[in-house]
């Protein structure tokens, strides 16, 4: 019987070792452990010499001063097999070409995602807000500085990468968003991902994602600023004594801080277009992150997976077409032949009525138990949350259009997040059956609502949402 007792004892020891080594505590790093690092670089433009045209509202808005710095902030994640970089810049947006140039300067990374906060108080980086309708507001030298700053931020984050354990939290605050377009659908969820040193348990970094236009300072402001994002990041850096990377998510529709009632400590209402409201609103978003942090749960961010795909989107916006032909919008156009995955570059002097398109990108990331949708523009909440109007309003231009596959409906992991203006800025992504450019207008309105004028066209949402669905499904078929 001795051999039986020895066998039982040996089995018990082996099972104990297996459970302690393979399962561990929920907050211990996985095997191989996640490495995470944070980095940043100042990309504030210099105001001496050439004028700096501020983006986001009207043309010829020249900067007269700098209130707070614009930053490129990066987080690098590595699991021993893959290494990813996620970057956020305090700008109105970047076209895909600068992102691709950045990627070429970062060998060794499996994927680099570059997102813009959609800041309406920084330099024109798209060409739409120059001194006049036929002139771009882009300074090529500044755009080069932005690209170099992104690369520096990523390299700094890579150098700072250390083993980390992670937690995730969410909180909601519909009162912090104003929806500027019917139907009124808000994406009011804020997400935080916290990184800690596994030994000291000290927080080493924080990622925050919120869905709002940084435009609190409004159209009359002439000071360079990151708008409320500056105040949110400052609040959280002081609160948690760590680097913070802020990502913009669902901002179409229109998710804005304008018209949101914000009061000071004495109960006085603060006005749009003031730094007082901007700073206070940013602090309120920081406090919302506190609420998310108060109820976090342990989460694994490994293994790291990603998948991206280029797609072509028809360029139906006549103003954009004119801007492209005049060189104000500096991006490659392609010949649209009806295939969202194949198109040839448009030659110089292409005929006026030739259908054109642009190349963009959708991406899907799976960071362990967190799925991330990377969308290249300002997507409407209805398309993310599966709340496209049904039945459509009779005044809609395409009331019989099928409902697009919702972005979040494709994400099956326990946790999810969206990064907007990811790797490109294509403007508003509007549900086709809510397209409302021609009379009679929806909801009994006498004029059209804002949105279509800053969209590529009514086919953008159907093509993009279908492409994202196919991207995720292709991954599932390979599992």
Protein backbone atom coordinates (compact mmCIF):
# COMPACT_ATOMS: atom_id res chain seq x y z
CA UNK A 1 0.00 0.00 0.00
CA UNK A 2 3.02 2.30 0.34
CA UNK A 3 3.15 2.83 -3.43
CA UNK A 4 -0.50 3.93 -3.39
CA UNK A 5 0.17 6.51 -0.67
CA UNK A 6 3.24 7.75 -2.55
CA UNK A 7 1.22 8.02 -5.78
CA UNK A 8 -1.55 10.00 -4.06
CA UNK A 9 1.00 12.30 -2.40
CA UNK A 10 2.88 12.88 -5.68
CA UNK A 11 -0.38 13.59 -7.55
CA UNK A 12 -1.40 16.11 -4.89
CA UNK A 13 1.97 17.91 -5.14
CA UNK A 14 1.85 18.06 -8.94
CA UNK A 15 -1.73 19.36 -9.00
CA UNK A 16 -0.87 21.99 -6.39
CA UNK A 17 2.10 23.15 -8.44
CA UNK A 18 0.00 23.24 -11.62
CA UNK A 19 -2.77 25.33 -10.09
CA UNK A 20 -0.42 27.74 -8.33
CA UNK A 21 1.76 28.18 -11.41
CA UNK A 22 -0.90 28.27 -14.12
CA UNK A 23 -3.84 29.96 -12.45
CA UNK A 24 -2.37 32.16 -9.77
CA UNK A 25 -4.22 35.12 -8.34
CA UNK A 26 -6.44 37.15 -10.68
CA UNK A 27 -4.24 40.22 -10.40
CA UNK A 28 -0.94 38.43 -11.18
CA UNK A 29 0.67 38.78 -14.64
CA UNK A 30 -0.06 36.17 -17.26
CA UNK A 31 2.55 33.84 -18.69
CA UNK A 32 4.30 35.35 -20.64
CA UNK A 33 3.77 38.58 -18.71
CA UNK A 34 2.45 41.74 -20.27
CA UNK A 35 4.93 44.56 -20.67
CA UNK A 36 3.57 48.09 -20.90
CA UNK A 37 5.23 51.47 -21.24
CA UNK A 38 4.08 55.07 -21.57
CA UNK A 39 5.69 57.97 -23.41
CA UNK A 40 4.82 61.46 -24.62
CA UNK A 41 6.18 64.30 -26.73
CA UNK A 42 5.26 67.98 -26.96
CA UNK A 43 3.91 68.84 -30.44
CA UNK A 44 2.85 72.42 -29.74
CA UNK A 45 3.41 74.66 -32.79
CA UNK A 46 5.63 77.73 -32.57
CA UNK A 47 3.75 80.95 -33.24
CA UNK A 48 6.57 83.18 -34.42
CA UNK A 49 6.93 83.56 -38.17
CA UNK A 50 4.23 81.79 -40.19
CA UNK A 51 0.57 82.06 -39.08
CA UNK A 52 -0.98 79.03 -37.38
CA UNK A 53 -4.55 78.42 -38.53
CA UNK A 54 -6.74 76.84 -35.87
CA UNK A 55 -8.88 73.91 -37.03
CA UNK A 56 -12.40 72.81 -36.24
CA UNK A 57 -14.68 75.78 -36.84
CA UNK A 58 -14.39 78.61 -39.38
CA UNK A 59 -11.52 79.51 -41.71
CA UNK A 60 -8.79 82.09 -41.11
CA UNK A 61 -8.80 81.69 -37.33
CA UNK A 62 -5.19 82.57 -36.56
CA UNK A 63 -3.63 81.58 -33.23
CA UNK A 64 -2.46 84.47 -31.07
CA UNK A 65 -1.09 82.50 -28.12
CA UNK A 66 -0.62 79.13 -26.42
CA UNK A 67 -2.69 78.30 -23.36
CA UNK A 68 -1.55 74.70 -22.82
CA UNK A 69 0.70 72.29 -24.74
CA UNK A 70 -0.44 69.87 -27.39
CA UNK A 71 0.90 66.37 -26.87
CA UNK A 72 1.47 63.06 -28.58
CA UNK A 73 0.89 60.35 -25.96
CA UNK A 74 1.70 56.67 -26.50
CA UNK A 75 1.33 53.32 -24.82
CA UNK A 76 3.34 50.31 -25.95
CA UNK A 77 2.13 46.78 -25.17
CA UNK A 78 4.20 43.61 -25.61
CA UNK A 79 3.51 39.99 -24.70
CA UNK A 80 6.72 38.30 -25.86
CA UNK A 81 5.28 37.55 -29.29
CA UNK A 82 3.73 40.79 -30.50
CA UNK A 83 4.40 44.45 -29.83
CA UNK A 84 1.77 47.13 -30.40
CA UNK A 85 1.80 50.90 -30.05
CA UNK A 86 -1.33 52.99 -29.51
CA UNK A 87 -0.92 56.75 -29.86
CA UNK A 88 -3.19 59.74 -29.29
CA UNK A 89 -2.44 63.27 -30.53
CA UNK A 90 -4.16 66.52 -29.48
CA UNK A 91 -5.18 67.38 -33.04
CA UNK A 92 -8.32 67.66 -35.14
CA UNK A 93 -7.24 64.65 -37.17
CA UNK A 94 -4.60 63.10 -39.40
CA UNK A 95 -5.06 61.57 -42.82
CA UNK A 96 -3.72 58.08 -43.37
CA UNK A 97 -0.55 59.12 -45.23
CA UNK A 98 1.15 60.65 -42.14
CA UNK A 99 0.23 57.52 -40.15
CA UNK A 100 1.83 55.29 -42.76
CA UNK A 101 4.98 57.44 -42.71
CA UNK A 102 5.12 57.07 -38.93
CA UNK A 103 4.82 53.30 -39.18
CA UNK A 104 7.80 53.12 -41.54
CA UNK A 105 9.90 54.86 -38.88
CA UNK A 106 8.99 52.30 -36.22
CA UNK A 107 10.42 48.93 -37.28
CA UNK A 108 9.97 46.15 -34.79
CA UNK A 109 6.33 46.95 -34.07
CA UNK A 110 3.67 44.55 -35.29
CA UNK A 111 1.06 47.30 -35.39
CA UNK A 112 0.94 51.03 -34.72
CA UNK A 113 -2.39 52.78 -34.20
CA UNK A 114 -2.48 56.60 -34.32
CA UNK A 115 -5.63 58.37 -33.19
CA UNK A 116 -6.51 62.06 -32.85
CA UNK A 117 -8.58 63.52 -30.03
CA UNK A 118 -10.40 65.67 -32.65
CA UNK A 119 -9.30 68.82 -30.86
CA UNK A 120 -10.92 71.97 -32.29
CA UNK A 121 -8.34 74.35 -30.79
CA UNK A 122 -5.14 73.10 -32.44
CA UNK A 123 -3.50 73.64 -35.85
CA UNK A 124 -5.12 72.69 -39.13
CA UNK A 125 -3.68 69.29 -40.03
CA UNK A 126 -6.25 68.39 -42.71
CA UNK A 127 -6.25 71.49 -44.93
CA UNK A 128 -9.85 72.57 -44.33
CA UNK A 129 -9.30 75.67 -42.20
CA UNK A 130 -6.83 77.89 -44.05
CA UNK A 131 -7.08 81.62 -44.76
CA UNK A 132 -9.74 81.13 -47.41
CA UNK A 133 -11.91 78.49 -49.13
CA UNK A 134 -9.27 77.76 -51.76
CA UNK A 135 -6.27 77.63 -49.43
CA UNK A 136 -5.04 74.92 -47.09
CA UNK A 137 -4.15 75.76 -43.50
CA UNK A 138 -1.50 73.04 -43.24
CA UNK A 139 2.11 73.91 -42.51
CA UNK A 140 4.14 70.98 -43.94
CA UNK A 141 6.97 71.67 -41.50
CA UNK A 142 4.58 71.40 -38.56
CA UNK A 143 3.08 68.18 -39.91
CA UNK A 144 6.60 66.75 -40.07
CA UNK A 145 7.10 67.82 -36.44
CA UNK A 146 3.93 65.94 -35.49
CA UNK A 147 5.15 62.78 -37.18
CA UNK A 148 8.53 63.04 -35.45
CA UNK A 149 6.77 63.66 -32.13
CA UNK A 150 4.67 60.53 -32.52
CA UNK A 151 7.78 58.47 -33.22
CA UNK A 152 9.55 59.95 -30.18
CA UNK A 153 6.56 59.23 -27.93
CA UNK A 154 6.41 55.61 -29.08
CA UNK A 155 10.15 55.09 -28.63
CA UNK A 156 9.99 56.60 -25.15
CA UNK A 157 7.08 54.29 -24.26
CA UNK A 158 8.95 51.29 -25.63
CA UNK A 159 12.02 52.16 -23.57
CA UNK A 160 9.88 52.54 -20.45
CA UNK A 161 8.05 49.22 -20.89
CA UNK A 162 7.89 47.09 -17.75
CA UNK A 163 5.92 44.06 -16.58
CA UNK A 164 2.43 45.17 -15.59
CA UNK A 165 -0.81 43.86 -14.15
CA UNK A 166 -4.04 45.45 -15.33
CA UNK A 167 -7.56 46.34 -14.27
CA UNK A 168 -10.48 47.80 -16.22
CA UNK A 169 -13.42 49.97 -15.20
CA UNK A 170 -16.35 51.82 -16.75
CA UNK A 171 -18.67 54.62 -15.72
CA UNK A 172 -21.52 56.49 -17.38
CA UNK A 173 -22.46 60.17 -17.40
CA UNK A 174 -25.11 61.19 -19.96
CA UNK A 175 -25.23 64.61 -18.29
CA UNK A 176 -21.72 65.33 -19.56
CA UNK A 177 -22.74 65.03 -23.22
CA UNK A 178 -24.92 67.12 -25.48
CA UNK A 179 -26.30 65.37 -28.58
CA UNK A 180 -26.48 67.91 -31.39
CA UNK A 181 -28.57 65.88 -33.83
CA UNK A 182 -31.79 63.89 -33.81
CA UNK A 183 -32.39 61.09 -33.10
CA UNK A 184 -30.79 61.80 -29.74
CA UNK A 185 -28.57 58.81 -28.96
CA UNK A 186 -25.60 59.23 -26.62
CA UNK A 187 -22.58 56.99 -26.15
CA UNK A 188 -22.04 57.99 -22.53
CA UNK A 189 -19.65 55.25 -21.33
CA UNK A 190 -16.12 56.09 -20.20
CA UNK A 191 -13.51 53.30 -20.03
CA UNK A 192 -10.34 53.21 -17.95
CA UNK A 193 -7.54 50.64 -18.11
CA UNK A 194 -5.10 50.76 -15.21
CA UNK A 195 -1.54 49.44 -15.25
CA UNK A 196 0.33 48.57 -12.02
CA UNK A 197 3.72 47.26 -11.03
CA UNK A 198 3.11 43.63 -9.95
CA UNK A 199 5.42 43.94 -6.91
CA UNK A 200 4.86 47.43 -5.53
CA UNK A 201 1.25 47.64 -6.84
CA UNK A 202 1.96 51.26 -7.75
CA UNK A 203 -0.01 52.58 -10.74
CA UNK A 204 2.37 53.01 -13.67
CA UNK A 205 -0.08 54.31 -16.24
CA UNK A 206 -3.71 54.92 -17.11
CA UNK A 207 -5.64 54.75 -20.39
CA UNK A 208 -8.90 56.70 -20.60
CA UNK A 209 -11.43 56.59 -23.45
CA UNK A 210 -14.38 59.03 -23.65
CA UNK A 211 -16.77 60.05 -26.41
CA UNK A 212 -16.90 63.82 -26.84
CA UNK A 213 -15.78 66.59 -29.22
CA UNK A 214 -12.98 68.64 -27.58
CA UNK A 215 -14.54 71.96 -28.59
CA UNK A 216 -15.58 73.60 -25.32
CA UNK A 217 -13.61 76.74 -26.17
CA UNK A 218 -15.86 77.28 -29.20
CA UNK A 219 -15.15 79.16 -32.42
CA UNK A 220 -14.01 82.53 -31.03
CA UNK A 221 -10.99 81.19 -29.18
CA UNK A 222 -7.62 82.09 -30.69
CA UNK A 223 -5.35 80.36 -28.19
CA UNK A 224 -3.75 77.00 -28.93
CA UNK A 225 -5.14 74.45 -26.48
CA UNK A 226 -5.97 70.75 -26.18
CA UNK A 227 -9.39 71.89 -24.94
CA UNK A 228 -10.86 69.82 -22.08
CA UNK A 229 -8.48 66.90 -22.74
CA UNK A 230 -5.69 69.05 -21.28
CA UNK A 231 -7.63 69.44 -18.02
CA UNK A 232 -8.70 65.79 -17.89
CA UNK A 233 -5.16 64.50 -18.30
CA UNK A 234 -3.79 67.06 -15.80
CA UNK A 235 -6.40 66.06 -13.23
CA UNK A 236 -5.68 62.33 -13.59
CA UNK A 237 -1.90 62.69 -13.64
CA UNK A 238 -2.06 64.58 -10.36
CA UNK A 239 -4.63 62.21 -8.87
CA UNK A 240 -2.81 58.96 -9.69
CA UNK A 241 0.78 60.18 -10.10
CA UNK A 242 1.25 58.39 -13.42
CA UNK A 243 1.23 58.95 -17.19
CA UNK A 244 -2.20 59.16 -18.85
CA UNK A 245 -3.19 58.46 -22.45
CA UNK A 246 -6.60 59.79 -23.52
CA UNK A 247 -8.42 58.34 -26.54
CA UNK A 248 -11.46 59.74 -28.31
CA UNK A 249 -14.19 57.27 -29.23
CA UNK A 250 -17.68 57.83 -30.64
CA UNK A 251 -18.03 61.56 -31.37
CA UNK A 252 -20.39 61.71 -34.36
CA UNK A 253 -23.99 62.56 -34.07
CA UNK A 254 -22.94 65.06 -32.47
CA UNK A 255 -21.35 64.26 -29.08
CA UNK A 256 -20.15 67.59 -27.67
CA UNK A 257 -19.36 69.47 -24.48
CA UNK A 258 -20.98 72.63 -25.87
CA UNK A 259 -24.39 73.32 -24.30
CA UNK A 260 -23.60 70.98 -21.40
CA UNK A 261 -24.45 72.75 -18.17
CA UNK A 262 -21.31 73.08 -16.08
CA UNK A 263 -21.10 75.01 -12.81
CA UNK A 264 -18.22 76.22 -10.69
CA UNK A 265 -17.75 75.40 -7.01
CA UNK A 266 -20.15 78.21 -6.04
CA UNK A 267 -22.91 76.96 -8.31
CA UNK A 268 -22.45 79.58 -11.00
CA UNK A 269 -23.08 78.41 -14.55
CA UNK A 270 -19.98 78.55 -16.72
CA UNK A 271 -20.23 79.77 -20.32
CA UNK A 272 -19.22 77.99 -23.50
CA UNK A 273 -16.10 79.42 -25.04
CA UNK A 274 -14.34 80.07 -21.73
CA UNK A 275 -11.29 78.45 -20.18
CA UNK A 276 -13.21 78.28 -16.90
CA UNK A 277 -15.80 75.91 -18.36
CA UNK A 278 -13.17 74.00 -20.34
CA UNK A 279 -11.07 73.32 -17.25
CA UNK A 280 -14.08 72.46 -15.13
CA UNK A 281 -15.50 70.11 -17.76
CA UNK A 282 -12.13 68.39 -18.08
CA UNK A 283 -12.03 67.89 -14.32
CA UNK A 284 -15.56 66.42 -14.40
CA UNK A 285 -14.42 63.88 -17.00
CA UNK A 286 -11.49 63.12 -14.69
CA UNK A 287 -13.91 62.59 -11.81
CA UNK A 288 -15.94 60.27 -14.03
CA UNK A 289 -12.73 58.30 -14.52
CA UNK A 290 -12.44 58.19 -10.72
CA UNK A 291 -15.84 56.49 -10.62
CA UNK A 292 -14.66 53.95 -13.16
CA UNK A 293 -11.49 53.39 -11.15
CA UNK A 294 -13.49 52.83 -7.97
CA UNK A 295 -15.08 49.70 -9.42
CA UNK A 296 -12.36 48.17 -11.57
CA UNK A 297 -11.86 44.45 -11.99
CA UNK A 298 -8.78 42.47 -12.86
CA UNK A 299 -8.37 41.87 -16.57
CA UNK A 300 -5.80 40.13 -18.74
CA UNK A 301 -4.53 42.03 -21.78
CA UNK A 302 -2.66 39.05 -23.24
CA UNK A 303 -2.33 37.52 -25.71
CA UNK A 304 -2.13 40.51 -28.07
CA UNK A 305 -3.96 40.12 -31.38
CA UNK A 306 -4.81 42.56 -34.13
CA UNK A 307 -6.18 42.62 -37.63
CA UNK A 308 -6.49 45.56 -40.01
CA UNK A 309 -7.72 46.03 -43.54
CA UNK A 310 -7.62 48.79 -46.12
CA UNK A 311 -10.88 49.75 -47.78
CA UNK A 312 -12.03 52.25 -50.38
CA UNK A 313 -14.89 54.66 -49.76
CA UNK A 314 -16.71 56.63 -52.47
CA UNK A 315 -15.99 60.37 -52.46
CA UNK A 316 -19.46 61.84 -53.07
CA UNK A 317 -19.06 65.12 -51.16
CA UNK A 318 -18.84 67.83 -53.83
CA UNK A 319 -16.97 70.26 -51.59
CA UNK A 320 -14.38 67.59 -50.79
CA UNK A 321 -14.04 66.83 -54.50
CA UNK A 322 -13.40 70.49 -55.27
CA UNK A 323 -10.91 70.67 -52.40
CA UNK A 324 -9.07 67.62 -53.73
CA UNK A 325 -8.90 68.98 -57.28
CA UNK A 326 -7.56 72.32 -55.99
CA UNK A 327 -4.97 70.61 -53.82
CA UNK A 328 -6.50 71.91 -50.58
CA UNK A 329 -7.19 68.33 -49.47
CA UNK A 330 -3.84 66.64 -49.91
CA UNK A 331 -4.54 62.94 -50.16
CA UNK A 332 -4.45 60.33 -52.92
CA UNK A 333 -7.74 59.77 -54.75
CA UNK A 334 -8.63 56.50 -56.49
CA UNK A 335 -11.01 55.48 -59.26
CA UNK A 336 -14.21 54.08 -57.75
CA UNK A 337 -15.40 50.93 -59.53
CA UNK A 338 -17.76 49.63 -56.85
CA UNK A 339 -15.26 47.34 -55.08
CA UNK A 340 -14.47 48.50 -51.51
CA UNK A 341 -11.24 46.48 -51.47
CA UNK A 342 -9.71 47.27 -54.87
CA UNK A 343 -9.18 50.56 -56.70
CA UNK A 344 -6.57 52.16 -58.95
CA UNK A 345 -5.00 55.58 -58.29
CA UNK A 346 -6.75 58.41 -60.08
CA UNK A 347 -4.51 60.02 -62.71
CA UNK A 348 -3.91 63.76 -62.86
CA UNK A 349 -6.53 65.62 -64.86
CA UNK A 350 -9.19 62.94 -64.36
CA UNK A 351 -12.56 63.83 -65.96
CA UNK A 352 -14.89 65.87 -63.75
CA UNK A 353 -17.65 63.26 -63.60
CA UNK A 354 -15.38 60.28 -62.97
CA UNK A 355 -16.40 58.52 -59.70
CA UNK A 356 -13.59 58.78 -57.16
CA UNK A 357 -12.86 57.22 -53.79
CA UNK A 358 -10.28 57.38 -51.01
CA UNK A 359 -8.35 54.63 -49.24
CA UNK A 360 -8.80 54.25 -45.49
CA UNK A 361 -8.44 51.53 -42.85
CA UNK A 362 -10.42 49.66 -40.23
CA UNK A 363 -8.80 47.64 -37.46
CA UNK A 364 -9.72 45.21 -34.73
CA UNK A 365 -7.55 44.56 -31.68
CA UNK A 366 -7.97 41.88 -29.06
CA UNK A 367 -5.98 42.60 -25.95
CA UNK A 368 -6.68 39.47 -23.96
CA UNK A 369 -10.16 39.99 -22.53
CA UNK A 370 -10.61 43.41 -24.18
CA UNK A 371 -11.70 43.93 -27.77
CA UNK A 372 -11.04 47.29 -29.42
CA UNK A 373 -12.68 48.67 -32.56
CA UNK A 374 -10.47 51.17 -34.43
CA UNK A 375 -12.66 53.35 -36.66
CA UNK A 376 -11.16 55.98 -39.01
CA UNK A 377 -13.53 58.88 -38.42
CA UNK A 378 -16.39 60.34 -36.41
CA UNK A 379 -18.88 57.51 -36.18
CA UNK A 380 -22.46 58.06 -34.99
CA UNK A 381 -23.45 56.35 -31.70
CA UNK A 382 -26.33 54.59 -33.46
CA UNK A 383 -23.84 52.62 -35.54
CA UNK A 384 -21.82 51.60 -32.50
CA UNK A 385 -24.62 50.74 -30.11
CA UNK A 386 -27.06 49.14 -32.61
CA UNK A 387 -29.57 51.97 -32.26
CA UNK A 388 -30.10 53.03 -35.87
CA UNK A 389 -33.60 54.47 -36.16
CA UNK A 390 -36.19 51.81 -37.00
CA UNK A 391 -38.59 52.58 -38.56
CA UNK A 392 -36.80 55.48 -40.22
CA UNK A 393 -38.26 58.95 -40.36
CA UNK A 394 -40.34 59.42 -43.56
CA UNK A 395 -38.25 62.47 -44.45
CA UNK A 396 -35.00 60.51 -44.68
CA UNK A 397 -33.35 60.39 -48.11
CA UNK A 398 -32.87 56.59 -48.01
CA UNK A 399 -35.63 55.24 -45.72
CA UNK A 400 -35.37 51.73 -47.21
CA UNK A 401 -31.63 51.40 -46.64
CA UNK A 402 -30.70 48.28 -44.60
CA UNK A 403 -29.46 48.86 -41.07
CA UNK A 404 -25.67 48.59 -40.92
CA UNK A 405 -24.07 45.87 -38.74
CA UNK A 406 -23.36 47.59 -35.41
CA UNK A 407 -19.73 47.89 -34.33
CA UNK A 408 -20.16 46.75 -30.72
CA UNK A 409 -22.35 43.86 -31.83
CA UNK A 410 -19.25 42.34 -33.47
CA UNK A 411 -17.24 42.41 -30.23
CA UNK A 412 -17.84 39.31 -28.12
CA UNK A 413 -15.20 39.66 -25.40
CA UNK A 414 -16.18 40.54 -21.85
CA UNK A 415 -14.84 44.08 -22.25
CA UNK A 416 -14.86 46.39 -25.25
CA UNK A 417 -13.69 49.82 -26.29
CA UNK A 418 -13.73 52.01 -29.38
CA UNK A 419 -11.03 54.33 -30.70
CA UNK A 420 -12.31 56.93 -33.15
CA UNK A 421 -10.33 58.89 -35.75
CA UNK A 422 -8.04 55.86 -35.79
CA UNK A 423 -5.32 55.97 -38.47
CA UNK A 424 -7.35 58.43 -40.59
CA UNK A 425 -9.99 61.16 -40.44
CA UNK A 426 -12.79 60.62 -42.97
CA UNK A 427 -15.40 62.85 -41.32
CA UNK A 428 -18.86 61.82 -40.15
CA UNK A 429 -20.01 58.22 -40.53
CA UNK A 430 -23.81 58.50 -40.72
CA UNK A 431 -26.38 55.67 -40.87
CA UNK A 432 -27.61 55.64 -44.46
CA UNK A 433 -31.28 55.50 -43.48
CA UNK A 434 -30.73 58.64 -41.37
CA UNK A 435 -29.12 60.56 -44.25
CA UNK A 436 -31.10 63.79 -44.55
CA UNK A 437 -29.73 66.16 -47.16
CA UNK A 438 -32.82 66.84 -49.27
CA UNK A 439 -36.30 68.14 -48.34
CA UNK A 440 -38.65 67.17 -46.84
CA UNK A 441 -36.40 67.04 -43.80
CA UNK A 442 -36.70 64.62 -40.90
CA UNK A 443 -38.58 65.37 -37.67
CA UNK A 444 -40.56 68.14 -39.31
CA UNK A 445 -37.54 70.43 -39.53
CA UNK A 446 -37.48 73.26 -42.04
CA UNK A 447 -33.77 72.87 -42.72
CA UNK A 448 -31.32 69.98 -42.78
CA UNK A 449 -29.42 69.05 -39.64
CA UNK A 450 -25.65 69.35 -39.42
CA UNK A 451 -23.56 66.37 -40.51
CA UNK A 452 -23.82 65.44 -44.18
CA UNK A 453 -21.63 68.35 -45.26
CA UNK A 454 -18.71 66.79 -43.36
CA UNK A 455 -19.22 63.22 -44.59
CA UNK A 456 -17.75 61.46 -47.62
CA UNK A 457 -21.25 60.36 -48.60
CA UNK A 458 -24.19 58.09 -47.78
CA UNK A 459 -22.32 54.88 -48.68
CA UNK A 460 -19.60 55.42 -46.08
CA UNK A 461 -21.40 53.77 -43.15
CA UNK A 462 -22.69 50.70 -45.04
CA UNK A 463 -19.27 49.94 -46.53
CA UNK A 464 -17.26 50.65 -43.38
CA UNK A 465 -19.50 48.76 -40.96
CA UNK A 466 -19.67 45.76 -43.28
CA UNK A 467 -15.89 45.81 -43.66
CA UNK A 468 -15.43 45.81 -39.89
CA UNK A 469 -17.89 42.93 -39.53
CA UNK A 470 -16.01 40.91 -42.15
CA UNK A 471 -12.70 41.71 -40.48
CA UNK A 472 -13.87 40.32 -37.13
CA UNK A 473 -15.60 37.30 -38.69
CA UNK A 474 -12.48 36.46 -40.69
CA UNK A 475 -10.56 36.28 -37.44
CA UNK A 476 -13.17 33.96 -35.90
CA UNK A 477 -13.00 31.58 -38.87
CA UNK A 478 -9.24 31.28 -38.31
CA UNK A 479 -9.56 30.36 -34.60
